[in-house]
């Protein structure tokens, strides 16, 4: 009977030693995972910071192009595109604002003409960023642009088209745009359908 107890005690001690060894092994593994989690956490923080910097750089480039466009078209005003960058719940939040002589407002605060030019420039930026085909059709897009700004708008469209290698087809009733176009076509309706006449 004593031998039987001794055998059981030896067996339990063997289990206990095995559990102690397993515990030690698991503690080592947990320590390795803690180190890995700490490293991943630090890496994640660095990547977030780099992404924030990249987003801010892209927004700054975007703002400078749109501001350039606004100043080109509305050369008698002091318009700037000012995106307000904030953080909400650890995410970058961007609010698009326009400024004129220190007064800031939302997208359409300074009239339809300004909003149309900003919208046109934002579309171009999206096309470039998404690597879309560099072809744009504008159907009466600049109808709300005042007649005093049509010449400047035409020059901006022509300049961007050349610099960005983008073909832009503008459908319009505003004849003043002809001055800046490379090719001009007049479309007339007739009994036989549409007649396209090349003017330039």
C-alpha atoms as a PDB file:
ATOM      1  CA  UNK A   1       0.000   0.000   0.000  1.00  0.00           C
ATOM      2  CA  UNK A   2       2.874   2.392   0.891  1.00  0.00           C
ATOM      3  CA  UNK A   3       4.511   1.567  -2.455  1.00  0.00           C
ATOM      4  CA  UNK A   4       1.237   2.377  -4.161  1.00  0.00           C
ATOM      5  CA  UNK A   5       1.136   5.840  -2.473  1.00  0.00           C
ATOM      6  CA  UNK A   6       4.808   6.397  -3.261  1.00  0.00           C
ATOM      7  CA  UNK A   7       4.092   5.569  -6.924  1.00  0.00           C
ATOM      8  CA  UNK A   8       1.163   8.012  -6.973  1.00  0.00           C
ATOM      9  CA  UNK A   9       3.238  10.761  -5.309  1.00  0.00           C
ATOM     10  CA  UNK A  10       6.040  10.240  -7.838  1.00  0.00           C
ATOM     11  CA  UNK A  11       3.468  10.447 -10.642  1.00  0.00           C
ATOM     12  CA  UNK A  12       1.973  13.680  -9.222  1.00  0.00           C
ATOM     13  CA  UNK A  13       5.426  15.189  -8.781  1.00  0.00           C
ATOM     14  CA  UNK A  14       6.158  14.317 -12.418  1.00  0.00           C
ATOM     15  CA  UNK A  15       2.919  16.055 -13.484  1.00  0.00           C
ATOM     16  CA  UNK A  16       3.776  19.051 -11.270  1.00  0.00           C
ATOM     17  CA  UNK A  17       7.292  19.323 -12.779  1.00  0.00           C
ATOM     18  CA  UNK A  18       5.810  19.032 -16.281  1.00  0.00           C
ATOM     19  CA  UNK A  19       3.254  21.784 -15.477  1.00  0.00           C
ATOM     20  CA  UNK A  20       6.009  24.021 -14.055  1.00  0.00           C
ATOM     21  CA  UNK A  21       8.053  23.531 -17.235  1.00  0.00           C
ATOM     22  CA  UNK A  22       4.956  24.249 -19.362  1.00  0.00           C
ATOM     23  CA  UNK A  23       4.204  27.371 -17.275  1.00  0.00           C
ATOM     24  CA  UNK A  24       7.780  28.602 -17.778  1.00  0.00           C
ATOM     25  CA  UNK A  25       7.514  27.939 -21.521  1.00  0.00           C
ATOM     26  CA  UNK A  26       4.158  29.775 -21.725  1.00  0.00           C
ATOM     27  CA  UNK A  27       5.503  32.733 -19.719  1.00  0.00           C
ATOM     28  CA  UNK A  28       8.412  32.975 -22.191  1.00  0.00           C
ATOM     29  CA  UNK A  29       5.963  32.822 -25.103  1.00  0.00           C
ATOM     30  CA  UNK A  30       3.716  35.487 -23.496  1.00  0.00           C
ATOM     31  CA  UNK A  31       6.762  37.706 -22.989  1.00  0.00           C
ATOM     32  CA  UNK A  32       7.658  37.303 -26.690  1.00  0.00           C
ATOM     33  CA  UNK A  33       4.062  38.184 -27.667  1.00  0.00           C
ATOM     34  CA  UNK A  34       4.147  41.222 -25.355  1.00  0.00           C
ATOM     35  CA  UNK A  35       7.327  42.401 -27.079  1.00  0.00           C
ATOM     36  CA  UNK A  36       5.735  41.801 -30.484  1.00  0.00           C
ATOM     37  CA  UNK A  37       2.534  43.658 -29.494  1.00  0.00           C
ATOM     38  CA  UNK A  38       4.617  46.550 -28.179  1.00  0.00           C
ATOM     39  CA  UNK A  39       6.616  46.675 -31.432  1.00  0.00           C
ATOM     40  CA  UNK A  40       3.444  46.465 -33.540  1.00  0.00           C
ATOM     41  CA  UNK A  41       1.849  49.223 -31.478  1.00  0.00           C
ATOM     42  CA  UNK A  42       4.890  51.489 -31.983  1.00  0.00           C
ATOM     43  CA  UNK A  43       5.000  50.636 -35.714  1.00  0.00           C
ATOM     44  CA  UNK A  44       1.279  51.385 -36.019  1.00  0.00           C
ATOM     45  CA  UNK A  45       1.765  54.782 -34.339  1.00  0.00           C
ATOM     46  CA  UNK A  46       4.636  55.622 -36.722  1.00  0.00           C
ATOM     47  CA  UNK A  47       2.590  54.525 -39.772  1.00  0.00           C
ATOM     48  CA  UNK A  48      -0.406  56.598 -38.618  1.00  0.00           C
ATOM     49  CA  UNK A  49       1.873  59.594 -38.233  1.00  0.00           C
ATOM     50  CA  UNK A  50       3.377  59.055 -41.713  1.00  0.00           C
ATOM     51  CA  UNK A  51      -0.099  58.653 -43.238  1.00  0.00           C
ATOM     52  CA  UNK A  52      -1.216  61.879 -41.564  1.00  0.00           C
ATOM     53  CA  UNK A  53       1.812  63.656 -43.033  1.00  0.00           C
ATOM     54  CA  UNK A  54       1.083  62.165 -46.500  1.00  0.00           C
ATOM     55  CA  UNK A  55      -2.589  63.205 -46.283  1.00  0.00           C
ATOM     56  CA  UNK A  56      -1.593  66.713 -45.212  1.00  0.00           C
ATOM     57  CA  UNK A  57       0.954  66.932 -48.067  1.00  0.00           C
ATOM     58  CA  UNK A  58      -1.654  65.801 -50.615  1.00  0.00           C
ATOM     59  CA  UNK A  59      -4.215  68.272 -49.215  1.00  0.00           C
ATOM     60  CA  UNK A  60      -1.627  71.065 -49.356  1.00  0.00           C
ATOM     61  CA  UNK A  61      -0.871  70.247 -53.027  1.00  0.00           C
ATOM     62  CA  UNK A  62      -4.599  70.107 -53.780  1.00  0.00           C
ATOM     63  CA  UNK A  63      -5.192  73.452 -52.043  1.00  0.00           C
ATOM     64  CA  UNK A  64      -2.367  75.117 -53.968  1.00  0.00           C
ATOM     65  CA  UNK A  65      -3.730  73.943 -57.363  1.00  0.00           C
ATOM     66  CA  UNK A  66      -7.282  75.061 -56.545  1.00  0.00           C
ATOM     67  CA  UNK A  67      -6.041  78.395 -55.167  1.00  0.00           C
ATOM     68  CA  UNK A  68      -4.015  78.867 -58.379  1.00  0.00           C
ATOM     69  CA  UNK A  69      -7.163  78.166 -60.429  1.00  0.00           C
ATOM     70  CA  UNK A  70      -9.269  80.588 -58.380  1.00  0.00           C
ATOM     71  CA  UNK A  71      -6.661  83.352 -58.665  1.00  0.00           C
ATOM     72  CA  UNK A  72      -6.323  82.733 -62.427  1.00  0.00           C
ATOM     73  CA  UNK A  73     -10.067  82.983 -63.074  1.00  0.00           C
ATOM     74  CA  UNK A  74     -11.052  85.588 -60.476  1.00  0.00           C
ATOM     75  CA  UNK A  75      -8.028  87.840 -60.860  1.00  0.00           C
ATOM     76  CA  UNK A  76      -9.916  90.842 -59.406  1.00  0.00           C
ATOM     77  CA  UNK A  77     -10.515  89.036 -56.086  1.00  0.00           C
ATOM     78  CA  UNK A  78      -8.333  87.537 -53.375  1.00  0.00           C
ATOM     79  CA  UNK A  79      -9.742  83.989 -53.264  1.00  0.00           C
ATOM     80  CA  UNK A  80      -7.943  81.040 -51.675  1.00  0.00           C
ATOM     81  CA  UNK A  81      -8.892  77.421 -51.120  1.00  0.00           C
ATOM     82  CA  UNK A  82      -8.280  76.558 -47.473  1.00  0.00           C
ATOM     83  CA  UNK A  83      -9.009  72.991 -46.388  1.00  0.00           C
ATOM     84  CA  UNK A  84      -9.389  72.781 -42.591  1.00  0.00           C
ATOM     85  CA  UNK A  85      -7.696  69.597 -41.349  1.00  0.00           C
ATOM     86  CA  UNK A  86      -8.723  68.270 -37.931  1.00  0.00           C
ATOM     87  CA  UNK A  87      -8.738  64.905 -36.170  1.00  0.00           C
ATOM     88  CA  UNK A  88     -11.956  63.212 -35.106  1.00  0.00           C
ATOM     89  CA  UNK A  89     -11.800  59.866 -33.304  1.00  0.00           C
ATOM     90  CA  UNK A  90      -8.190  59.324 -34.427  1.00  0.00           C
ATOM     91  CA  UNK A  91      -9.153  59.935 -38.088  1.00  0.00           C
ATOM     92  CA  UNK A  92      -8.160  62.901 -40.235  1.00  0.00           C
ATOM     93  CA  UNK A  93     -11.212  65.040 -41.046  1.00  0.00           C
ATOM     94  CA  UNK A  94     -11.068  67.568 -43.898  1.00  0.00           C
ATOM     95  CA  UNK A  95     -13.497  70.434 -44.320  1.00  0.00           C
ATOM     96  CA  UNK A  96     -13.280  72.310 -47.626  1.00  0.00           C
ATOM     97  CA  UNK A  97     -13.360  76.070 -47.177  1.00  0.00           C
ATOM     98  CA  UNK A  98     -12.875  79.107 -49.388  1.00  0.00           C
ATOM     99  CA  UNK A  99     -11.430  82.397 -48.199  1.00  0.00           C
ATOM    100  CA  UNK A 100     -11.764  85.869 -49.663  1.00  0.00           C
ATOM    101  CA  UNK A 101      -9.896  88.726 -47.983  1.00  0.00           C
ATOM    102  CA  UNK A 102      -9.829  86.967 -44.614  1.00  0.00           C
ATOM    103  CA  UNK A 103     -13.486  85.896 -44.698  1.00  0.00           C
ATOM    104  CA  UNK A 104     -13.955  82.116 -44.732  1.00  0.00           C
ATOM    105  CA  UNK A 105     -16.985  80.207 -45.926  1.00  0.00           C
ATOM    106  CA  UNK A 106     -18.167  76.821 -47.124  1.00  0.00           C
ATOM    107  CA  UNK A 107     -18.106  75.456 -50.658  1.00  0.00           C
ATOM    108  CA  UNK A 108     -20.734  77.828 -52.136  1.00  0.00           C
ATOM    109  CA  UNK A 109     -20.257  80.853 -49.857  1.00  0.00           C
ATOM    110  CA  UNK A 110     -18.817  83.066 -52.597  1.00  0.00           C
ATOM    111  CA  UNK A 111     -21.327  82.293 -55.351  1.00  0.00           C
ATOM    112  CA  UNK A 112     -21.946  79.727 -58.067  1.00  0.00           C
ATOM    113  CA  UNK A 113     -19.041  80.856 -60.258  1.00  0.00           C
ATOM    114  CA  UNK A 114     -16.477  80.101 -57.532  1.00  0.00           C
ATOM    115  CA  UNK A 115     -18.136  76.778 -56.621  1.00  0.00           C
ATOM    116  CA  UNK A 116     -18.139  75.688 -60.294  1.00  0.00           C
ATOM    117  CA  UNK A 117     -14.414  76.406 -60.737  1.00  0.00           C
ATOM    118  CA  UNK A 118     -13.565  74.601 -57.475  1.00  0.00           C
ATOM    119  CA  UNK A 119     -15.727  71.638 -58.478  1.00  0.00           C
ATOM    120  CA  UNK A 120     -14.040  71.458 -61.905  1.00  0.00           C
ATOM    121  CA  UNK A 121     -10.567  71.512 -60.314  1.00  0.00           C
ATOM    122  CA  UNK A 122     -11.519  68.874 -57.710  1.00  0.00           C
ATOM    123  CA  UNK A 123     -12.726  66.588 -60.525  1.00  0.00           C
ATOM    124  CA  UNK A 124      -9.417  66.983 -62.336  1.00  0.00           C
ATOM    125  CA  UNK A 125      -7.526  66.157 -59.127  1.00  0.00           C
ATOM    126  CA  UNK A 126      -9.673  63.040 -58.576  1.00  0.00           C
ATOM    127  CA  UNK A 127      -9.037  61.874 -62.138  1.00  0.00           C
ATOM    128  CA  UNK A 128      -5.276  62.274 -61.704  1.00  0.00           C
ATOM    129  CA  UNK A 129      -5.220  60.628 -58.265  1.00  0.00           C
ATOM    130  CA  UNK A 130      -7.337  57.661 -59.407  1.00  0.00           C
ATOM    131  CA  UNK A 131      -5.319  57.400 -62.646  1.00  0.00           C
ATOM    132  CA  UNK A 132      -8.469  57.628 -64.771  1.00  0.00           C
ATOM    133  CA  UNK A 133      -8.360  58.163 -68.532  1.00  0.00           C
ATOM    134  CA  UNK A 134      -7.341  61.748 -69.160  1.00  0.00           C
ATOM    135  CA  UNK A 135     -10.482  62.723 -71.038  1.00  0.00           C
ATOM    136  CA  UNK A 136     -13.182  64.991 -69.666  1.00  0.00           C
ATOM    137  CA  UNK A 137     -16.543  66.062 -71.095  1.00  0.00           C
ATOM    138  CA  UNK A 138     -17.937  69.306 -69.695  1.00  0.00           C
ATOM    139  CA  UNK A 139     -21.583  69.883 -70.634  1.00  0.00           C
ATOM    140  CA  UNK A 140     -22.505  73.513 -69.910  1.00  0.00           C
ATOM    141  CA  UNK A 141     -20.317  73.228 -66.802  1.00  0.00           C
ATOM    142  CA  UNK A 142     -19.405  76.918 -66.792  1.00  0.00           C
ATOM    143  CA  UNK A 143     -22.910  78.258 -67.491  1.00  0.00           C
ATOM    144  CA  UNK A 144     -22.996  80.035 -64.117  1.00  0.00           C
ATOM    145  CA  UNK A 145     -19.582  81.675 -64.617  1.00  0.00           C
ATOM    146  CA  UNK A 146     -20.023  85.420 -65.138  1.00  0.00           C
ATOM    147  CA  UNK A 147     -19.203  86.739 -68.608  1.00  0.00           C
ATOM    148  CA  UNK A 148     -16.300  88.829 -67.214  1.00  0.00           C
ATOM    149  CA  UNK A 149     -14.561  85.601 -66.115  1.00  0.00           C
ATOM    150  CA  UNK A 150     -15.144  83.435 -69.203  1.00  0.00           C
ATOM    151  CA  UNK A 151     -11.882  84.430 -70.907  1.00  0.00           C
ATOM    152  CA  UNK A 152      -9.838  83.583 -67.778  1.00  0.00           C
ATOM    153  CA  UNK A 153     -11.762  80.309 -67.338  1.00  0.00           C
ATOM    154  CA  UNK A 154     -11.023  79.351 -70.958  1.00  0.00           C
ATOM    155  CA  UNK A 155      -7.321  80.093 -70.434  1.00  0.00           C
ATOM    156  CA  UNK A 156      -7.264  77.958 -67.264  1.00  0.00           C
ATOM    157  CA  UNK A 157      -8.981  75.012 -68.980  1.00  0.00           C
ATOM    158  CA  UNK A 158      -6.602  75.266 -71.943  1.00  0.00           C
ATOM    159  CA  UNK A 159      -3.515  75.528 -69.684  1.00  0.00           C
ATOM    160  CA  UNK A 160      -4.533  72.511 -67.550  1.00  0.00           C
ATOM    161  CA  UNK A 161      -5.380  70.499 -70.652  1.00  0.00           C
ATOM    162  CA  UNK A 162      -1.883  71.050 -72.052  1.00  0.00           C
ATOM    163  CA  UNK A 163       0.058  70.695 -68.772  1.00  0.00           C
ATOM    164  CA  UNK A 164      -1.768  67.533 -67.682  1.00  0.00           C
ATOM    165  CA  UNK A 165      -2.040  65.957 -71.140  1.00  0.00           C
ATOM    166  CA  UNK A 166      -5.817  65.860 -70.769  1.00  0.00           C
ATOM    167  CA  UNK A 167      -8.339  66.135 -73.612  1.00  0.00           C
ATOM    168  CA  UNK A 168     -11.271  68.316 -72.547  1.00  0.00           C
ATOM    169  CA  UNK A 169     -14.451  68.545 -74.613  1.00  0.00           C
ATOM    170  CA  UNK A 170     -16.531  71.565 -73.612  1.00  0.00           C
ATOM    171  CA  UNK A 171     -20.129  71.744 -74.781  1.00  0.00           C
ATOM    172  CA  UNK A 172     -21.341  75.319 -74.347  1.00  0.00           C
ATOM    173  CA  UNK A 173     -23.472  78.176 -75.664  1.00  0.00           C
ATOM    174  CA  UNK A 174     -20.913  80.693 -74.368  1.00  0.00           C
ATOM    175  CA  UNK A 175     -19.153  81.737 -77.591  1.00  0.00           C
ATOM    176  CA  UNK A 176     -16.303  83.466 -75.745  1.00  0.00           C
ATOM    177  CA  UNK A 177     -14.744  80.056 -75.007  1.00  0.00           C
ATOM    178  CA  UNK A 178     -13.888  79.723 -78.734  1.00  0.00           C
ATOM    179  CA  UNK A 179     -10.926  82.088 -78.256  1.00  0.00           C
ATOM    180  CA  UNK A 180      -9.035  79.577 -76.060  1.00  0.00           C
ATOM    181  CA  UNK A 181     -10.073  76.332 -77.783  1.00  0.00           C
ATOM    182  CA  UNK A 182      -7.765  74.332 -80.050  1.00  0.00           C
ATOM    183  CA  UNK A 183     -10.724  73.053 -82.079  1.00  0.00           C
ATOM    184  CA  UNK A 184     -14.203  74.561 -82.388  1.00  0.00           C
ATOM    185  CA  UNK A 185     -17.267  72.783 -83.784  1.00  0.00           C
ATOM    186  CA  UNK A 186     -20.733  74.195 -84.233  1.00  0.00           C
ATOM    187  CA  UNK A 187     -23.631  71.748 -83.993  1.00  0.00           C
ATOM    188  CA  UNK A 188     -26.941  72.595 -85.690  1.00  0.00           C
ATOM    189  CA  UNK A 189     -30.172  70.660 -85.841  1.00  0.00           C
ATOM    190  CA  UNK A 190     -31.744  70.021 -89.232  1.00  0.00           C
ATOM    191  CA  UNK A 191     -34.405  67.797 -90.842  1.00  0.00           C
ATOM    192  CA  UNK A 192     -31.646  65.275 -91.554  1.00  0.00           C
ATOM    193  CA  UNK A 193     -30.344  65.240 -87.947  1.00  0.00           C
ATOM    194  CA  UNK A 194     -27.396  67.049 -86.420  1.00  0.00           C
ATOM    195  CA  UNK A 195     -24.977  68.909 -88.688  1.00  0.00           C
ATOM    196  CA  UNK A 196     -21.455  69.397 -87.283  1.00  0.00           C
ATOM    197  CA  UNK A 197     -19.494  72.271 -88.763  1.00  0.00           C
ATOM    198  CA  UNK A 198     -15.794  72.817 -87.979  1.00  0.00           C
ATOM    199  CA  UNK A 199     -15.098  76.485 -87.274  1.00  0.00           C
ATOM    200  CA  UNK A 200     -11.487  76.311 -86.049  1.00  0.00           C
END
